[in-house]
Amino acid sequence: MKLASSLSLSTAETILQTALEIGHREGMKPLTVVVLDSGGRMVCMKSEDGSGLLRFDIALGKAYGALGMGLSSRTIRDYLSARPAFQNAIAAASDGRFIPVPGGVLIEDAQGMTVGAVGISGDTSDRDEYAAIHAIRAAEHSPNPAEECPDWRASSLSDKH
């Protein structure tokens, strides 16, 4: 029996590796990258040395939430900001696998069909999202959202508390 996946391992690995390269080039903190197919199954994942313990769960929640709602995690955050009860309902329905902040980006094919999602965590959410968007493009797919936050470079995680 031959099974077809909505997202090939090769494409997922290209997205993952490119995201890490973008992180290095842009001086980002250590990243964790999770790539899911359209059914929410993990195709690949990497966590860089120095990436925090919760970064995997956060990256997974960004990608899973985007797939579950059919919207980028940035769009979900913006939509839910005035709807806390609905946000709580989604969190409960997803058993907590839902992180409504930027960094969860849908992966679309040439026909505009969602074939998966990437979730990135490690730097600020806007910087995570930037890496995801450009990594998806490098794999010759379309990211949703198509454009990063215009001020993504201005956001930063301080080493000071």
Foldseek 3Di string as FASTA:
>chain_A
DDDDALADLVLVVLLVVQLQVVCVVLVFFWKKKWKAWLVLHTSDIDTDPPADPCFVLQQSQQFVQCSVVVAHLQVVCVVCVVPVVVVVVVCVVVVNSHDNAAFWKFWAAPVRDGTIIMGMDGWPRLSNNVSNQVSSVVSVTAIVVNDGDPCSSVDGDDPPD
